[in-house]
Amino acid sequence: MKNTQSLCLLLAITLLCSFAPADWIAFQNTEGNFKILFPRQPQQTEQDVETGIGKLKVTLFMYQVDKYKDDNMLYGINVTNYPDTMISSDFKDEILDKFFAGSVSGAAKILTEQ
């Protein structure tokens, strides 16, 4: 039974990987210290955003998909450096959940204003 489950899992992974786009590029940002896959080269934009804790620099890396070429309209990542006093891995889960929910809604607002 265990071998059958393992074989099914391996087959499922193989099938799913066969549908993944082969032409994605590895985009690396040394300043933000991250690497991510994009379907194509993303465009970089920067803006200062006034927040409750002052002005923060937001850097967006986005690739907007041409119509009818993908199920998604946009691929992106945003980089914002917050003061150490605002975010820490030592915070409780509830605080972090609220922080990240606010980050997502703030990023969405920036994208809709462009």
C-alpha atoms as a PDB file:
ATOM      1  CA  MET A   1       0.000   0.000   0.000  1.00  0.00           C
ATOM      2  CA  LYS A   2       2.790   2.413   0.935  1.00  0.00           C
ATOM      3  CA  ASN A   3       4.615   1.698  -2.349  1.00  0.00           C
ATOM      4  CA  THR A   4       1.425   2.385  -4.316  1.00  0.00           C
ATOM      5  CA  GLN A   5       0.962   5.738  -2.561  1.00  0.00           C
ATOM      6  CA  SER A   6       4.594   6.662  -3.196  1.00  0.00           C
ATOM      7  CA  LEU A   7       4.286   5.694  -6.861  1.00  0.00           C
ATOM      8  CA  CYS A   8       1.083   7.755  -7.232  1.00  0.00           C
ATOM      9  CA  LEU A   9       2.733  10.751  -5.573  1.00  0.00           C
ATOM     10  CA  LEU A  10       5.761  10.477  -7.854  1.00  0.00           C
ATOM     11  CA  LEU A  11       3.511  10.209 -10.915  1.00  0.00           C
ATOM     12  CA  ALA A  12       1.465  13.245  -9.804  1.00  0.00           C
ATOM     13  CA  ILE A  13       4.609  15.346  -9.269  1.00  0.00           C
ATOM     14  CA  THR A  14       5.959  14.306 -12.663  1.00  0.00           C
ATOM     15  CA  LEU A  15       2.698  15.242 -14.383  1.00  0.00           C
ATOM     16  CA  LEU A  16       2.456  18.595 -12.614  1.00  0.00           C
ATOM     17  CA  CYS A  17       6.049  19.450 -13.467  1.00  0.00           C
ATOM     18  CA  SER A  18       5.442  18.653 -17.114  1.00  0.00           C
ATOM     19  CA  PHE A  19       2.869  21.481 -17.263  1.00  0.00           C
ATOM     20  CA  ALA A  20       5.203  24.058 -15.709  1.00  0.00           C
ATOM     21  CA  PRO A  21       6.489  26.679 -18.157  1.00  0.00           C
ATOM     22  CA  ALA A  22      10.030  25.849 -19.238  1.00  0.00           C
ATOM     23  CA  ASP A  23      10.991  29.402 -20.148  1.00  0.00           C
ATOM     24  CA  TRP A  24      10.767  31.074 -16.738  1.00  0.00           C
ATOM     25  CA  ILE A  25      13.802  33.092 -15.724  1.00  0.00           C
ATOM     26  CA  ALA A  26      15.550  33.255 -12.374  1.00  0.00           C
ATOM     27  CA  PHE A  27      15.451  36.921 -11.360  1.00  0.00           C
ATOM     28  CA  GLN A  28      17.983  37.855  -8.698  1.00  0.00           C
ATOM     29  CA  ASN A  29      18.113  41.061  -6.692  1.00  0.00           C
ATOM     30  CA  THR A  30      21.317  41.459  -4.707  1.00  0.00           C
ATOM     31  CA  GLU A  31      20.149  44.579  -2.855  1.00  0.00           C
ATOM     32  CA  GLY A  32      17.038  42.818  -1.545  1.00  0.00           C
ATOM     33  CA  ASN A  33      18.965  39.560  -1.179  1.00  0.00           C
ATOM     34  CA  PHE A  34      16.420  37.352  -2.954  1.00  0.00           C
ATOM     35  CA  LYS A  35      15.975  35.208  -6.041  1.00  0.00           C
ATOM     36  CA  ILE A  36      12.596  34.412  -7.626  1.00  0.00           C
ATOM     37  CA  LEU A  37      11.251  32.896 -10.836  1.00  0.00           C
ATOM     38  CA  PHE A  38       9.374  35.138 -13.278  1.00  0.00           C
ATOM     39  CA  PRO A  39       7.817  34.185 -16.620  1.00  0.00           C
ATOM     40  CA  ARG A  40       9.734  37.098 -18.197  1.00  0.00           C
ATOM     41  CA  GLN A  41      12.043  39.908 -17.048  1.00  0.00           C
ATOM     42  CA  PRO A  42      10.137  42.094 -14.542  1.00  0.00           C
ATOM     43  CA  GLN A  43      10.050  45.893 -14.588  1.00  0.00           C
ATOM     44  CA  GLN A  44      11.297  47.717 -11.504  1.00  0.00           C
ATOM     45  CA  THR A  45       9.529  50.746 -10.058  1.00  0.00           C
ATOM     46  CA  GLU A  46      10.183  52.629  -6.852  1.00  0.00           C
ATOM     47  CA  GLN A  47       8.074  55.041  -4.893  1.00  0.00           C
ATOM     48  CA  ASP A  48       7.975  56.649  -1.489  1.00  0.00           C
ATOM     49  CA  VAL A  49       4.786  55.847   0.379  1.00  0.00           C
ATOM     50  CA  GLU A  50       3.551  57.872   3.340  1.00  0.00           C
ATOM     51  CA  THR A  51       2.507  55.497   6.141  1.00  0.00           C
ATOM     52  CA  GLY A  52       1.497  55.730   9.778  1.00  0.00           C
ATOM     53  CA  ILE A  53       5.164  55.260  10.717  1.00  0.00           C
ATOM     54  CA  GLY A  54       6.518  57.763   8.197  1.00  0.00           C
ATOM     55  CA  LYS A  55       7.717  57.618   4.624  1.00  0.00           C
ATOM     56  CA  LEU A  56       8.812  54.188   3.370  1.00  0.00           C
ATOM     57  CA  LYS A  57      10.539  53.345   0.090  1.00  0.00           C
ATOM     58  CA  VAL A  58       8.657  50.606  -1.786  1.00  0.00           C
ATOM     59  CA  THR A  59      10.381  48.805  -4.658  1.00  0.00           C
ATOM     60  CA  LEU A  60       8.151  46.756  -6.967  1.00  0.00           C
ATOM     61  CA  PHE A  61       9.329  44.149  -9.463  1.00  0.00           C
ATOM     62  CA  MET A  62       6.444  43.270 -11.789  1.00  0.00           C
ATOM     63  CA  TYR A  63       5.739  41.440 -14.994  1.00  0.00           C
ATOM     64  CA  GLN A  64       2.315  42.137 -16.486  1.00  0.00           C
ATOM     65  CA  VAL A  65       1.090  39.310 -18.697  1.00  0.00           C
ATOM     66  CA  ASP A  66      -0.151  40.002 -22.212  1.00  0.00           C
ATOM     67  CA  LYS A  67      -3.847  39.358 -22.663  1.00  0.00           C
ATOM     68  CA  TYR A  68      -4.802  35.684 -23.182  1.00  0.00           C
ATOM     69  CA  LYS A  69      -1.283  34.337 -22.588  1.00  0.00           C
ATOM     70  CA  ASP A  70      -1.641  33.268 -18.975  1.00  0.00           C
ATOM     71  CA  ASP A  71      -4.216  32.589 -16.277  1.00  0.00           C
ATOM     72  CA  ASN A  72      -2.591  35.309 -14.169  1.00  0.00           C
ATOM     73  CA  MET A  73      -2.593  38.994 -14.990  1.00  0.00           C
ATOM     74  CA  LEU A  74       0.468  39.991 -13.006  1.00  0.00           C
ATOM     75  CA  TYR A  75       3.494  38.492 -11.311  1.00  0.00           C
ATOM     76  CA  GLY A  76       5.256  40.617  -8.759  1.00  0.00           C
ATOM     77  CA  ILE A  77       7.179  41.050  -5.591  1.00  0.00           C
ATOM     78  CA  ASN A  78       7.470  44.122  -3.426  1.00  0.00           C
ATOM     79  CA  VAL A  79      10.421  45.027  -1.237  1.00  0.00           C
ATOM     80  CA  THR A  80       9.959  47.428   1.657  1.00  0.00           C
ATOM     81  CA  ASN A  81      12.456  47.979   4.451  1.00  0.00           C
ATOM     82  CA  TYR A  82      10.727  48.607   7.756  1.00  0.00           C
ATOM     83  CA  PRO A  83      12.376  49.917  10.921  1.00  0.00           C
ATOM     84  CA  ASP A  84      13.496  47.104  13.235  1.00  0.00           C
ATOM     85  CA  THR A  85      11.069  48.340  15.865  1.00  0.00           C
ATOM     86  CA  MET A  86       8.108  47.696  13.537  1.00  0.00           C
ATOM     87  CA  ILE A  87       8.676  44.042  12.631  1.00  0.00           C
ATOM     88  CA  SER A  88      10.574  41.215  14.257  1.00  0.00           C
ATOM     89  CA  SER A  89      10.411  37.429  14.173  1.00  0.00           C
ATOM     90  CA  ASP A  90      10.100  37.656  17.966  1.00  0.00           C
ATOM     91  CA  PHE A  91       6.604  39.184  17.675  1.00  0.00           C
ATOM     92  CA  LYS A  92       3.537  37.090  18.422  1.00  0.00           C
ATOM     93  CA  ASP A  93       1.735  35.422  15.512  1.00  0.00           C
ATOM     94  CA  GLU A  94      -1.296  37.736  15.807  1.00  0.00           C
ATOM     95  CA  ILE A  95       0.894  40.826  15.422  1.00  0.00           C
ATOM     96  CA  LEU A  96       2.703  39.335  12.425  1.00  0.00           C
ATOM     97  CA  ASP A  97      -0.584  38.264  10.804  1.00  0.00           C
ATOM     98  CA  LYS A  98      -1.955  41.803  11.161  1.00  0.00           C
ATOM     99  CA  PHE A  99       1.295  43.288   9.857  1.00  0.00           C
ATOM    100  CA  PHE A 100       1.393  41.088   6.755  1.00  0.00           C
ATOM    101  CA  ALA A 101      -2.324  41.576   6.040  1.00  0.00           C
ATOM    102  CA  GLY A 102      -1.699  45.331   6.104  1.00  0.00           C
ATOM    103  CA  SER A 103       1.310  44.900   3.806  1.00  0.00           C
ATOM    104  CA  VAL A 104      -0.771  42.987   1.269  1.00  0.00           C
ATOM    105  CA  SER A 105      -3.589  45.557   1.255  1.00  0.00           C
ATOM    106  CA  GLY A 106      -1.057  48.394   0.990  1.00  0.00           C
ATOM    107  CA  ALA A 107       0.659  46.743  -1.990  1.00  0.00           C
ATOM    108  CA  ALA A 108      -2.713  46.200  -3.674  1.00  0.00           C
ATOM    109  CA  LYS A 109      -3.541  49.869  -3.184  1.00  0.00           C
ATOM    110  CA  ILE A 110      -0.242  50.922  -4.765  1.00  0.00           C
ATOM    111  CA  LEU A 111      -0.867  48.670  -7.767  1.00  0.00           C
ATOM    112  CA  THR A 112      -4.383  50.005  -8.354  1.00  0.00           C
ATOM    113  CA  GLU A 113      -3.130  53.609  -8.249  1.00  0.00           C
ATOM    114  CA  GLN A 114      -0.632  53.022 -11.072  1.00  0.00           C
END
